[in-house]
């Protein structure tokens, strides 16, 4: 039971944090810029909304993977770390950079769609 609670918190903490930051953000931005509107549609607000949408999309994708392909989800949770450690350092760097820049490109594309 405890392991399931920890897993639940790990999966949903990002969404909870993003939503809380969405509601706290107007007060923080007014501290820096007193002329800012409540929900300013400026560049800084788009970043917060993009992070919220990204975490929700990430959660939804993992839910679909767990529902449709439980074997793939089990592999990603347990066996991927072992296989990743067996790669050469150059393969690890390529894998990490491709995942990093893929996520970065997804965030940029998502923020362009929002704005």
PDB file of N, CA and C in Angstrom:
ATOM      1  N   UNK A   1       0.820  -1.192   0.000  1.00  0.00           N
ATOM      2  CA  UNK A   1       0.000   0.000   0.000  1.00  0.00           C
ATOM      3  C   UNK A   1       0.863   1.254   0.000  1.00  0.00           C
ATOM      4  N   UNK A   2       1.937   1.225   0.769  1.00  0.00           N
ATOM      5  CA  UNK A   2       2.793   2.398   0.861  1.00  0.00           C
ATOM      6  C   UNK A   2       3.488   2.674  -0.469  1.00  0.00           C
ATOM      7  N   UNK A   3       3.937   1.618  -1.157  1.00  0.00           N
ATOM      8  CA  UNK A   3       4.604   1.793  -2.448  1.00  0.00           C
ATOM      9  C   UNK A   3       3.641   2.396  -3.471  1.00  0.00           C
ATOM     10  N   UNK A   4       2.394   2.009  -3.422  1.00  0.00           N
ATOM     11  CA  UNK A   4       1.406   2.555  -4.354  1.00  0.00           C
ATOM     12  C   UNK A   4       1.152   4.032  -4.066  1.00  0.00           C
ATOM     13  N   UNK A   5       1.133   4.416  -2.798  1.00  0.00           N
ATOM     14  CA  UNK A   5       0.948   5.817  -2.445  1.00  0.00           C
ATOM     15  C   UNK A   5       2.117   6.657  -2.932  1.00  0.00           C
ATOM     16  N   UNK A   6       3.337   6.153  -2.766  1.00  0.00           N
ATOM     17  CA  UNK A   6       4.517   6.878  -3.232  1.00  0.00           C
ATOM     18  C   UNK A   6       4.479   7.023  -4.745  1.00  0.00           C
ATOM     19  N   UNK A   7       4.083   5.979  -5.453  1.00  0.00           N
ATOM     20  CA  UNK A   7       3.979   6.042  -6.905  1.00  0.00           C
ATOM     21  C   UNK A   7       2.925   7.060  -7.315  1.00  0.00           C
ATOM     22  N   UNK A   8       1.795   7.069  -6.630  1.00  0.00           N
ATOM     23  CA  UNK A   8       0.740   8.030  -6.927  1.00  0.00           C
ATOM     24  C   UNK A   8       1.249   9.452  -6.737  1.00  0.00           C
ATOM     25  N   UNK A   9       1.971   9.696  -5.650  1.00  0.00           N
ATOM     26  CA  UNK A   9       2.487  11.036  -5.387  1.00  0.00           C
ATOM     27  C   UNK A   9       3.513  11.448  -6.431  1.00  0.00           C
ATOM     28  N   UNK A  10       4.372  10.525  -6.852  1.00  0.00           N
ATOM     29  CA  UNK A  10       5.377  10.850  -7.859  1.00  0.00           C
ATOM     30  C   UNK A  10       4.718  11.194  -9.192  1.00  0.00           C
ATOM     31  N   UNK A  11       3.670  10.479  -9.541  1.00  0.00           N
ATOM     32  CA  UNK A  11       3.018  10.711 -10.823  1.00  0.00           C
ATOM     33  C   UNK A  11       2.217  12.010 -10.834  1.00  0.00           C
ATOM     34  N   UNK A  12       1.629  12.361  -9.722  1.00  0.00           N
ATOM     35  CA  UNK A  12       0.716  13.497  -9.707  1.00  0.00           C
ATOM     36  C   UNK A  12       1.304  14.755  -9.074  1.00  0.00           C
ATOM     37  N   UNK A  13       2.497  14.686  -8.548  1.00  0.00           N
ATOM     38  CA  UNK A  13       3.090  15.846  -7.907  1.00  0.00           C
ATOM     39  C   UNK A  13       3.358  16.962  -8.909  1.00  0.00           C
ATOM     40  N   UNK A  14       3.803  16.620 -10.098  1.00  0.00           N
ATOM     41  CA  UNK A  14       4.103  17.644 -11.107  1.00  0.00           C
ATOM     42  C   UNK A  14       2.841  18.403 -11.511  1.00  0.00           C
ATOM     43  N   UNK A  15       1.750  17.685 -11.694  1.00  0.00           N
ATOM     44  CA  UNK A  15       0.497  18.344 -12.062  1.00  0.00           C
ATOM     45  C   UNK A  15       0.020  19.235 -10.921  1.00  0.00           C
ATOM     46  N   UNK A  16       0.077  18.726  -9.703  1.00  0.00           N
ATOM     47  CA  UNK A  16      -0.340  19.513  -8.553  1.00  0.00           C
ATOM     48  C   UNK A  16       0.523  20.763  -8.403  1.00  0.00           C
ATOM     49  N   UNK A  17       1.834  20.606  -8.539  1.00  0.00           N
ATOM     50  CA  UNK A  17       2.744  21.744  -8.430  1.00  0.00           C
ATOM     51  C   UNK A  17       2.487  22.766  -9.530  1.00  0.00           C
ATOM     52  N   UNK A  18       2.240  22.292 -10.751  1.00  0.00           N
ATOM     53  CA  UNK A  18       1.982  23.208 -11.862  1.00  0.00           C
ATOM     54  C   UNK A  18       0.681  23.983 -11.658  1.00  0.00           C
ATOM     55  N   UNK A  19      -0.346  23.317 -11.177  1.00  0.00           N
ATOM     56  CA  UNK A  19      -1.610  24.015 -10.938  1.00  0.00           C
ATOM     57  C   UNK A  19      -1.499  25.027  -9.806  1.00  0.00           C
ATOM     58  N   UNK A  20      -0.791  24.668  -8.740  1.00  0.00           N
ATOM     59  CA  UNK A  20      -0.582  25.615  -7.648  1.00  0.00           C
ATOM     60  C   UNK A  20       0.221  26.809  -8.129  1.00  0.00           C
ATOM     61  N   UNK A  21       1.259  26.546  -8.926  1.00  0.00           N
ATOM     62  CA  UNK A  21       2.059  27.654  -9.441  1.00  0.00           C
ATOM     63  C   UNK A  21       1.243  28.544 -10.373  1.00  0.00           C
ATOM     64  N   UNK A  22       0.273  27.971 -11.075  1.00  0.00           N
ATOM     65  CA  UNK A  22      -0.579  28.772 -11.950  1.00  0.00           C
ATOM     66  C   UNK A  22      -1.375  29.795 -11.145  1.00  0.00           C
ATOM     67  N   UNK A  23      -1.860  29.390  -9.984  1.00  0.00           N
ATOM     68  CA  UNK A  23      -2.652  30.310  -9.183  1.00  0.00           C
ATOM     69  C   UNK A  23      -1.800  31.259  -8.345  1.00  0.00           C
ATOM     70  N   UNK A  24      -0.579  30.870  -8.034  1.00  0.00           N
ATOM     71  CA  UNK A  24       0.319  31.726  -7.255  1.00  0.00           C
ATOM     72  C   UNK A  24       1.082  32.690  -8.163  1.00  0.00           C
ATOM     73  N   UNK A  25       1.233  32.327  -9.414  1.00  0.00           N
ATOM     74  CA  UNK A  25       2.049  33.081 -10.351  1.00  0.00           C
ATOM     75  C   UNK A  25       1.637  34.550 -10.497  1.00  0.00           C
ATOM     76  N   UNK A  26       0.338  34.896 -10.563  1.00  0.00           N
ATOM     77  CA  UNK A  26      -0.013  36.319 -10.697  1.00  0.00           C
ATOM     78  C   UNK A  26       0.520  37.181  -9.547  1.00  0.00           C
ATOM     79  N   UNK A  27       0.529  36.638  -8.348  1.00  0.00           N
ATOM     80  CA  UNK A  27       1.054  37.403  -7.214  1.00  0.00           C
ATOM     81  C   UNK A  27       2.565  37.566  -7.309  1.00  0.00           C
ATOM     82  N   UNK A  28       3.227  36.526  -7.778  1.00  0.00           N
ATOM     83  CA  UNK A  28       4.686  36.599  -7.932  1.00  0.00           C
ATOM     84  C   UNK A  28       5.058  37.579  -9.027  1.00  0.00           C
ATOM     85  N   UNK A  29       4.342  37.549 -10.149  1.00  0.00           N
ATOM     86  CA  UNK A  29       4.671  38.449 -11.255  1.00  0.00           C
ATOM     87  C   UNK A  29       4.371  39.893 -10.875  1.00  0.00           C
ATOM     88  N   UNK A  30       3.343  40.115 -10.050  1.00  0.00           N
ATOM     89  CA  UNK A  30       3.061  41.482  -9.593  1.00  0.00           C
ATOM     90  C   UNK A  30       4.121  41.993  -8.632  1.00  0.00           C
ATOM     91  N   UNK A  31       4.782  41.088  -7.971  1.00  0.00           N
ATOM     92  CA  UNK A  31       5.873  41.498  -7.093  1.00  0.00           C
ATOM     93  C   UNK A  31       7.025  42.059  -7.932  1.00  0.00           C
ATOM     94  N   UNK A  32       7.285  41.436  -9.096  1.00  0.00           N
ATOM     95  CA  UNK A  32       8.326  41.938  -9.994  1.00  0.00           C
ATOM     96  C   UNK A  32       7.842  43.117 -10.836  1.00  0.00           C
ATOM     97  N   UNK A  33       6.585  43.039 -11.292  1.00  0.00           N
ATOM     98  CA  UNK A  33       6.026  44.063 -12.175  1.00  0.00           C
ATOM     99  C   UNK A  33       4.651  44.457 -11.659  1.00  0.00           C
ATOM    100  N   UNK A  34       4.545  45.551 -10.914  1.00  0.00           N
ATOM    101  CA  UNK A  34       3.252  45.940 -10.323  1.00  0.00           C
ATOM    102  C   UNK A  34       2.177  46.266 -11.355  1.00  0.00           C
ATOM    103  N   UNK A  35       2.548  46.522 -12.597  1.00  0.00           N
ATOM    104  CA  UNK A  35       1.548  46.856 -13.615  1.00  0.00           C
ATOM    105  C   UNK A  35       1.005  45.632 -14.338  1.00  0.00           C
ATOM    106  N   UNK A  36       1.457  44.443 -13.982  1.00  0.00           N
ATOM    107  CA  UNK A  36       1.009  43.228 -14.660  1.00  0.00           C
ATOM    108  C   UNK A  36      -0.448  42.941 -14.329  1.00  0.00           C
ATOM    109  N   UNK A  37      -1.162  42.435 -15.306  1.00  0.00           N
ATOM    110  CA  UNK A  37      -2.572  42.089 -15.114  1.00  0.00           C
ATOM    111  C   UNK A  37      -2.675  40.775 -14.336  1.00  0.00           C
ATOM    112  N   UNK A  38      -3.885  40.418 -13.952  1.00  0.00           N
ATOM    113  CA  UNK A  38      -4.086  39.206 -13.165  1.00  0.00           C
ATOM    114  C   UNK A  38      -3.580  37.977 -13.908  1.00  0.00           C
ATOM    115  N   UNK A  39      -4.066  37.762 -15.101  1.00  0.00           N
ATOM    116  CA  UNK A  39      -3.574  36.671 -15.933  1.00  0.00           C
ATOM    117  C   UNK A  39      -3.035  37.287 -17.211  1.00  0.00           C
ATOM    118  N   UNK A  40      -1.852  37.801 -17.085  1.00  0.00           N
ATOM    119  CA  UNK A  40      -1.196  38.452 -18.202  1.00  0.00           C
ATOM    120  C   UNK A  40      -0.890  37.416 -19.275  1.00  0.00           C
ATOM    121  N   UNK A  41      -1.269  37.726 -20.499  1.00  0.00           N
ATOM    122  CA  UNK A  41      -1.037  36.791 -21.594  1.00  0.00           C
ATOM    123  C   UNK A  41       0.349  36.981 -22.192  1.00  0.00           C
ATOM    124  N   UNK A  42       1.241  37.492 -21.414  1.00  0.00           N
ATOM    125  CA  UNK A  42       2.593  37.738 -21.886  1.00  0.00           C
ATOM    126  C   UNK A  42       3.410  36.472 -21.967  1.00  0.00           C
ATOM    127  N   UNK A  43       4.655  36.657 -22.249  1.00  0.00           N
ATOM    128  CA  UNK A  43       5.568  35.533 -22.454  1.00  0.00           C
ATOM    129  C   UNK A  43       5.695  34.686 -21.188  1.00  0.00           C
ATOM    130  N   UNK A  44       5.773  35.309 -20.031  1.00  0.00           N
ATOM    131  CA  UNK A  44       5.987  34.547 -18.800  1.00  0.00           C
ATOM    132  C   UNK A  44       4.777  33.689 -18.439  1.00  0.00           C
ATOM    133  N   UNK A  45       3.566  34.176 -18.731  1.00  0.00           N
ATOM    134  CA  UNK A  45       2.374  33.374 -18.441  1.00  0.00           C
ATOM    135  C   UNK A  45       2.279  32.181 -19.378  1.00  0.00           C
ATOM    136  N   UNK A  46       2.731  32.329 -20.605  1.00  0.00           N
ATOM    137  CA  UNK A  46       2.702  31.214 -21.557  1.00  0.00           C
ATOM    138  C   UNK A  46       3.605  30.086 -21.080  1.00  0.00           C
ATOM    139  N   UNK A  47       4.715  30.427 -20.457  1.00  0.00           N
ATOM    140  CA  UNK A  47       5.620  29.401 -19.935  1.00  0.00           C
ATOM    141  C   UNK A  47       4.918  28.566 -18.869  1.00  0.00           C
ATOM    142  N   UNK A  48       4.207  29.224 -17.971  1.00  0.00           N
ATOM    143  CA  UNK A  48       3.516  28.496 -16.899  1.00  0.00           C
ATOM    144  C   UNK A  48       2.411  27.611 -17.474  1.00  0.00           C
ATOM    145  N   UNK A  49       1.635  28.133 -18.395  1.00  0.00           N
ATOM    146  CA  UNK A  49       0.565  27.341 -18.996  1.00  0.00           C
ATOM    147  C   UNK A  49       1.139  26.167 -19.787  1.00  0.00           C
ATOM    148  N   UNK A  50       2.262  26.389 -20.465  1.00  0.00           N
ATOM    149  CA  UNK A  50       2.904  25.308 -21.209  1.00  0.00           C
ATOM    150  C   UNK A  50       3.350  24.191 -20.282  1.00  0.00           C
ATOM    151  N   UNK A  51       3.921  24.533 -19.148  1.00  0.00           N
ATOM    152  CA  UNK A  51       4.351  23.514 -18.195  1.00  0.00           C
ATOM    153  C   UNK A  51       3.157  22.740 -17.661  1.00  0.00           C
ATOM    154  N   UNK A  52       2.070  23.433 -17.374  1.00  0.00           N
ATOM    155  CA  UNK A  52       0.867  22.751 -16.897  1.00  0.00           C
ATOM    156  C   UNK A  52       0.344  21.782 -17.957  1.00  0.00           C
ATOM    157  N   UNK A  53       0.242  22.250 -19.188  1.00  0.00           N
ATOM    158  CA  UNK A  53      -0.262  21.377 -20.252  1.00  0.00           C
ATOM    159  C   UNK A  53       0.682  20.212 -20.512  1.00  0.00           C
ATOM    160  N   UNK A  54       1.974  20.461 -20.452  1.00  0.00           N
ATOM    161  CA  UNK A  54       2.944  19.389 -20.678  1.00  0.00           C
ATOM    162  C   UNK A  54       2.816  18.300 -19.614  1.00  0.00           C
ATOM    163  N   UNK A  55       2.686  18.689 -18.349  1.00  0.00           N
ATOM    164  CA  UNK A  55       2.558  17.676 -17.299  1.00  0.00           C
ATOM    165  C   UNK A  55       1.247  16.905 -17.437  1.00  0.00           C
ATOM    166  N   UNK A  56       0.190  17.580 -17.819  1.00  0.00           N
ATOM    167  CA  UNK A  56      -1.085  16.879 -18.010  1.00  0.00           C
ATOM    168  C   UNK A  56      -0.996  15.932 -19.207  1.00  0.00           C
ATOM    169  N   UNK A  57      -0.369  16.362 -20.301  1.00  0.00           N
ATOM    170  CA  UNK A  57      -0.202  15.486 -21.460  1.00  0.00           C
ATOM    171  C   UNK A  57       0.682  14.296 -21.121  1.00  0.00           C
ATOM    172  N   UNK A  58       1.737  14.540 -20.352  1.00  0.00           N
ATOM    173  CA  UNK A  58       2.620  13.441 -19.955  1.00  0.00           C
ATOM    174  C   UNK A  58       1.849  12.432 -19.112  1.00  0.00           C
ATOM    175  N   UNK A  59       1.052  12.908 -18.180  1.00  0.00           N
ATOM    176  CA  UNK A  59       0.228  12.026 -17.358  1.00  0.00           C
ATOM    177  C   UNK A  59      -0.740  11.232 -18.228  1.00  0.00           C
ATOM    178  N   UNK A  60      -1.372  11.903 -19.197  1.00  0.00           N
ATOM    179  CA  UNK A  60      -2.339  11.223 -20.053  1.00  0.00           C
ATOM    180  C   UNK A  60      -1.670  10.154 -20.919  1.00  0.00           C
ATOM    181  N   UNK A  61      -0.492  10.456 -21.437  1.00  0.00           N
ATOM    182  CA  UNK A  61       0.219   9.472 -22.259  1.00  0.00           C
ATOM    183  C   UNK A  61       0.568   8.238 -21.429  1.00  0.00           C
ATOM    184  N   UNK A  62       1.049   8.436 -20.207  1.00  0.00           N
ATOM    185  CA  UNK A  62       1.378   7.276 -19.373  1.00  0.00           C
ATOM    186  C   UNK A  62       0.139   6.477 -18.997  1.00  0.00           C
ATOM    187  N   UNK A  63      -0.993   7.142 -18.815  1.00  0.00           N
ATOM    188  CA  UNK A  63      -2.233   6.423 -18.534  1.00  0.00           C
ATOM    189  C   UNK A  63      -2.635   5.558 -19.730  1.00  0.00           C
ATOM    190  N   UNK A  64      -2.497   6.100 -20.934  1.00  0.00           N
ATOM    191  CA  UNK A  64      -2.849   5.337 -22.133  1.00  0.00           C
ATOM    192  C   UNK A  64      -1.900   4.157 -22.310  1.00  0.00           C
ATOM    193  N   UNK A  65      -0.602   4.396 -22.097  1.00  0.00           N
ATOM    194  CA  UNK A  65       0.365   3.293 -22.214  1.00  0.00           C
ATOM    195  C   UNK A  65       0.058   2.210 -21.188  1.00  0.00           C
ATOM    196  N   UNK A  66      -0.242   2.595 -19.963  1.00  0.00           N
ATOM    197  CA  UNK A  66      -0.566   1.603 -18.925  1.00  0.00           C
ATOM    198  C   UNK A  66      -1.844   0.843 -19.259  1.00  0.00           C
ATOM    199  N   UNK A  67      -2.794   1.508 -19.901  1.00  0.00           N
ATOM    200  CA  UNK A  67      -4.056   0.846 -20.218  1.00  0.00           C
ATOM    201  C   UNK A  67      -3.946  -0.052 -21.454  1.00  0.00           C
ATOM    202  N   UNK A  68      -3.267   0.422 -22.488  1.00  0.00           N
ATOM    203  CA  UNK A  68      -3.238  -0.318 -23.749  1.00  0.00           C
ATOM    204  C   UNK A  68      -2.069  -1.293 -23.860  1.00  0.00           C
ATOM    205  N   UNK A  69      -0.898  -0.900 -23.351  1.00  0.00           N
ATOM    206  CA  UNK A  69       0.289  -1.740 -23.456  1.00  0.00           C
ATOM    207  C   UNK A  69       0.947  -1.899 -22.103  1.00  0.00           C
ATOM    208  N   UNK A  70       0.371  -2.691 -21.204  1.00  0.00           N
ATOM    209  CA  UNK A  70       0.949  -2.830 -19.870  1.00  0.00           C
ATOM    210  C   UNK A  70       2.356  -3.432 -19.885  1.00  0.00           C
ATOM    211  N   UNK A  71       2.656  -4.254 -20.882  1.00  0.00           N
ATOM    212  CA  UNK A  71       3.995  -4.852 -20.976  1.00  0.00           C
ATOM    213  C   UNK A  71       5.031  -3.755 -21.259  1.00  0.00           C
ATOM    214  N   UNK A  72       4.686  -2.830 -22.148  1.00  0.00           N
ATOM    215  CA  UNK A  72       5.589  -1.722 -22.453  1.00  0.00           C
ATOM    216  C   UNK A  72       5.774  -0.823 -21.237  1.00  0.00           C
ATOM    217  N   UNK A  73       4.715  -0.596 -20.492  1.00  0.00           N
ATOM    218  CA  UNK A  73       4.818   0.222 -19.281  1.00  0.00           C
ATOM    219  C   UNK A  73       5.698  -0.467 -18.239  1.00  0.00           C
ATOM    220  N   UNK A  74       5.553  -1.764 -18.113  1.00  0.00           N
ATOM    221  CA  UNK A  74       6.382  -2.520 -17.162  1.00  0.00           C
ATOM    222  C   UNK A  74       7.852  -2.474 -17.570  1.00  0.00           C
ATOM    223  N   UNK A  75       8.118  -2.580 -18.872  1.00  0.00           N
ATOM    224  CA  UNK A  75       9.489  -2.476 -19.362  1.00  0.00           C
ATOM    225  C   UNK A  75      10.079  -1.102 -19.044  1.00  0.00           C
ATOM    226  N   UNK A  76       9.305  -0.054 -19.271  1.00  0.00           N
ATOM    227  CA  UNK A  76       9.795   1.301 -19.024  1.00  0.00           C
ATOM    228  C   UNK A  76      10.068   1.531 -17.537  1.00  0.00           C
ATOM    229  N   UNK A  77       9.273   0.928 -16.677  1.00  0.00           N
ATOM    230  CA  UNK A  77       9.443   1.139 -15.243  1.00  0.00           C
ATOM    231  C   UNK A  77      10.583   0.321 -14.643  1.00  0.00           C
ATOM    232  N   UNK A  78      10.789  -0.887 -15.138  1.00  0.00           N
ATOM    233  CA  UNK A  78      11.727  -1.784 -14.462  1.00  0.00           C
ATOM    234  C   UNK A  78      12.975  -2.110 -15.274  1.00  0.00           C
ATOM    235  N   UNK A  79      12.834  -2.465 -16.528  1.00  0.00           N
ATOM    236  CA  UNK A  79      13.962  -2.983 -17.293  1.00  0.00           C
ATOM    237  C   UNK A  79      14.751  -1.925 -18.044  1.00  0.00           C
ATOM    238  N   UNK A  80      14.169  -0.771 -18.300  1.00  0.00           N
ATOM    239  CA  UNK A  80      14.853   0.246 -19.092  1.00  0.00           C
ATOM    240  C   UNK A  80      16.144   0.702 -18.409  1.00  0.00           C
ATOM    241  N   UNK A  81      16.131   0.852 -17.100  1.00  0.00           N
ATOM    242  CA  UNK A  81      17.335   1.284 -16.380  1.00  0.00           C
ATOM    243  C   UNK A  81      18.473   0.284 -16.543  1.00  0.00           C
ATOM    244  N   UNK A  82      18.153  -0.993 -16.475  1.00  0.00           N
ATOM    245  CA  UNK A  82      19.192  -2.011 -16.633  1.00  0.00           C
ATOM    246  C   UNK A  82      19.798  -1.981 -18.029  1.00  0.00           C
ATOM    247  N   UNK A  83      18.954  -1.873 -19.046  1.00  0.00           N
ATOM    248  CA  UNK A  83      19.460  -1.829 -20.419  1.00  0.00           C
ATOM    249  C   UNK A  83      20.222  -0.541 -20.690  1.00  0.00           C
ATOM    250  N   UNK A  84      19.781   0.550 -20.097  1.00  0.00           N
ATOM    251  CA  UNK A  84      20.470   1.825 -20.301  1.00  0.00           C
ATOM    252  C   UNK A  84      21.875   1.785 -19.706  1.00  0.00           C
ATOM    253  N   UNK A  85      22.036   1.130 -18.562  1.00  0.00           N
ATOM    254  CA  UNK A  85      23.348   1.026 -17.930  1.00  0.00           C
ATOM    255  C   UNK A  85      24.310   0.158 -18.732  1.00  0.00           C
ATOM    256  N   UNK A  86      23.784  -0.734 -19.558  1.00  0.00           N
ATOM    257  CA  UNK A  86      24.630  -1.596 -20.374  1.00  0.00           C
ATOM    258  C   UNK A  86      25.147  -0.898 -21.628  1.00  0.00           C
ATOM    259  N   UNK A  87      24.596   0.259 -21.965  1.00  0.00           N
ATOM    260  CA  UNK A  87      25.048   0.984 -23.145  1.00  0.00           C
ATOM    261  C   UNK A  87      26.422   1.598 -22.903  1.00  0.00           C
ATOM    262  N   UNK A  88      27.120   1.868 -24.000  1.00  0.00           N
ATOM    263  CA  UNK A  88      28.400   2.561 -23.877  1.00  0.00           C
ATOM    264  C   UNK A  88      28.126   4.022 -23.513  1.00  0.00           C
ATOM    265  N   UNK A  89      29.117   4.723 -22.966  1.00  0.00           N
ATOM    266  CA  UNK A  89      28.888   6.129 -22.609  1.00  0.00           C
ATOM    267  C   UNK A  89      28.410   6.976 -23.792  1.00  0.00           C
ATOM    268  N   UNK A  90      28.953   6.717 -24.980  1.00  0.00           N
ATOM    269  CA  UNK A  90      28.534   7.487 -26.141  1.00  0.00           C
ATOM    270  C   UNK A  90      27.060   7.233 -26.464  1.00  0.00           C
ATOM    271  N   UNK A  91      26.587   5.995 -26.352  1.00  0.00           N
ATOM    272  CA  UNK A  91      25.186   5.683 -26.596  1.00  0.00           C
ATOM    273  C   UNK A  91      24.293   6.302 -25.523  1.00  0.00           C
ATOM    274  N   UNK A  92      24.767   6.328 -24.284  1.00  0.00           N
ATOM    275  CA  UNK A  92      24.002   6.963 -23.216  1.00  0.00           C
ATOM    276  C   UNK A  92      23.838   8.459 -23.473  1.00  0.00           C
ATOM    277  N   UNK A  93      24.913   9.108 -23.913  1.00  0.00           N
ATOM    278  CA  UNK A  93      24.841  10.538 -24.201  1.00  0.00           C
ATOM    279  C   UNK A  93      23.881  10.807 -25.353  1.00  0.00           C
ATOM    280  N   UNK A  94      23.954  10.011 -26.416  1.00  0.00           N
ATOM    281  CA  UNK A  94      23.051  10.193 -27.548  1.00  0.00           C
ATOM    282  C   UNK A  94      21.598   9.978 -27.125  1.00  0.00           C
ATOM    283  N   UNK A  95      21.358   8.966 -26.328  1.00  0.00           N
ATOM    284  CA  UNK A  95      19.997   8.706 -25.870  1.00  0.00           C
ATOM    285  C   UNK A  95      19.489   9.851 -25.009  1.00  0.00           C
ATOM    286  N   UNK A  96      20.315  10.297 -24.067  1.00  0.00           N
ATOM    287  CA  UNK A  96      19.899  11.388 -23.191  1.00  0.00           C
ATOM    288  C   UNK A  96      19.628  12.661 -23.975  1.00  0.00           C
ATOM    289  N   UNK A  97      20.530  13.024 -24.885  1.00  0.00           N
ATOM    290  CA  UNK A  97      20.347  14.258 -25.645  1.00  0.00           C
ATOM    291  C   UNK A  97      19.141  14.186 -26.575  1.00  0.00           C
ATOM    292  N   UNK A  98      18.885  13.034 -27.160  1.00  0.00           N
ATOM    293  CA  UNK A  98      17.712  12.923 -28.030  1.00  0.00           C
ATOM    294  C   UNK A  98      16.424  13.048 -27.220  1.00  0.00           C
ATOM    295  N   UNK A  99      16.372  12.457 -26.032  1.00  0.00           N
ATOM    296  CA  UNK A  99      15.192  12.601 -25.179  1.00  0.00           C
ATOM    297  C   UNK A  99      15.056  14.044 -24.711  1.00  0.00           C
ATOM    298  N   UNK A 100      16.165  14.641 -24.286  1.00  0.00           N
ATOM    299  CA  UNK A 100      16.136  16.021 -23.787  1.00  0.00           C
ATOM    300  C   UNK A 100      15.656  16.991 -24.864  1.00  0.00           C
ATOM    301  N   UNK A 101      16.264  16.928 -26.046  1.00  0.00           N
ATOM    302  CA  UNK A 101      15.875  17.854 -27.094  1.00  0.00           C
ATOM    303  C   UNK A 101      14.500  17.530 -27.670  1.00  0.00           C
ATOM    304  N   UNK A 102      14.103  16.274 -27.607  1.00  0.00           N
ATOM    305  CA  UNK A 102      12.736  15.934 -28.006  1.00  0.00           C
ATOM    306  C   UNK A 102      11.706  16.563 -27.089  1.00  0.00           C
ATOM    307  N   UNK A 103      11.947  16.478 -25.786  1.00  0.00           N
ATOM    308  CA  UNK A 103      11.047  17.126 -24.825  1.00  0.00           C
ATOM    309  C   UNK A 103      11.087  18.644 -24.964  1.00  0.00           C
ATOM    310  N   UNK A 104      12.276  19.183 -25.185  1.00  0.00           N
ATOM    311  CA  UNK A 104      12.411  20.621 -25.363  1.00  0.00           C
ATOM    312  C   UNK A 104      11.643  21.089 -26.598  1.00  0.00           C
ATOM    313  N   UNK A 105      11.761  20.355 -27.695  1.00  0.00           N
ATOM    314  CA  UNK A 105      11.027  20.701 -28.910  1.00  0.00           C
ATOM    315  C   UNK A 105       9.521  20.578 -28.702  1.00  0.00           C
ATOM    316  N   UNK A 106       9.108  19.587 -27.931  1.00  0.00           N
ATOM    317  CA  UNK A 106       7.684  19.441 -27.644  1.00  0.00           C
ATOM    318  C   UNK A 106       7.165  20.623 -26.830  1.00  0.00           C
ATOM    319  N   UNK A 107       7.952  21.091 -25.871  1.00  0.00           N
ATOM    320  CA  UNK A 107       7.542  22.260 -25.082  1.00  0.00           C
ATOM    321  C   UNK A 107       7.476  23.515 -25.941  1.00  0.00           C
ATOM    322  N   UNK A 108       8.434  23.694 -26.825  1.00  0.00           N
ATOM    323  CA  UNK A 108       8.421  24.861 -27.707  1.00  0.00           C
ATOM    324  C   UNK A 108       7.212  24.800 -28.626  1.00  0.00           C
ATOM    325  N   UNK A 109       6.943  23.647 -29.210  1.00  0.00           N
ATOM    326  CA  UNK A 109       5.781  23.501 -30.091  1.00  0.00           C
ATOM    327  C   UNK A 109       4.486  23.725 -29.323  1.00  0.00           C
ATOM    328  N   UNK A 110       4.411  23.207 -28.118  1.00  0.00           N
ATOM    329  CA  UNK A 110       3.207  23.389 -27.306  1.00  0.00           C
ATOM    330  C   UNK A 110       3.004  24.849 -26.941  1.00  0.00           C
ATOM    331  N   UNK A 111       4.078  25.552 -26.633  1.00  0.00           N
ATOM    332  CA  UNK A 111       3.943  26.970 -26.291  1.00  0.00           C
ATOM    333  C   UNK A 111       3.561  27.790 -27.523  1.00  0.00           C
ATOM    334  N   UNK A 112       3.987  27.372 -28.709  1.00  0.00           N
ATOM    335  CA  UNK A 112       3.584  28.077 -29.929  1.00  0.00           C
ATOM    336  C   UNK A 112       2.110  27.856 -30.201  1.00  0.00           C
ATOM    337  N   UNK A 113       1.594  26.686 -29.900  1.00  0.00           N
ATOM    338  CA  UNK A 113       0.183  26.403 -30.117  1.00  0.00           C
ATOM    339  C   UNK A 113      -0.671  27.223 -29.148  1.00  0.00           C
ATOM    340  N   UNK A 114      -0.188  27.375 -27.925  1.00  0.00           N
ATOM    341  CA  UNK A 114      -0.940  28.117 -26.909  1.00  0.00           C
ATOM    342  C   UNK A 114      -1.004  29.593 -27.248  1.00  0.00           C
ATOM    343  N   UNK A 115       0.119  30.150 -27.702  1.00  0.00           N
ATOM    344  CA  UNK A 115       0.146  31.599 -27.953  1.00  0.00           C
ATOM    345  C   UNK A 115      -0.406  31.929 -29.290  1.00  0.00           C
TER     346      UNK A 115
END
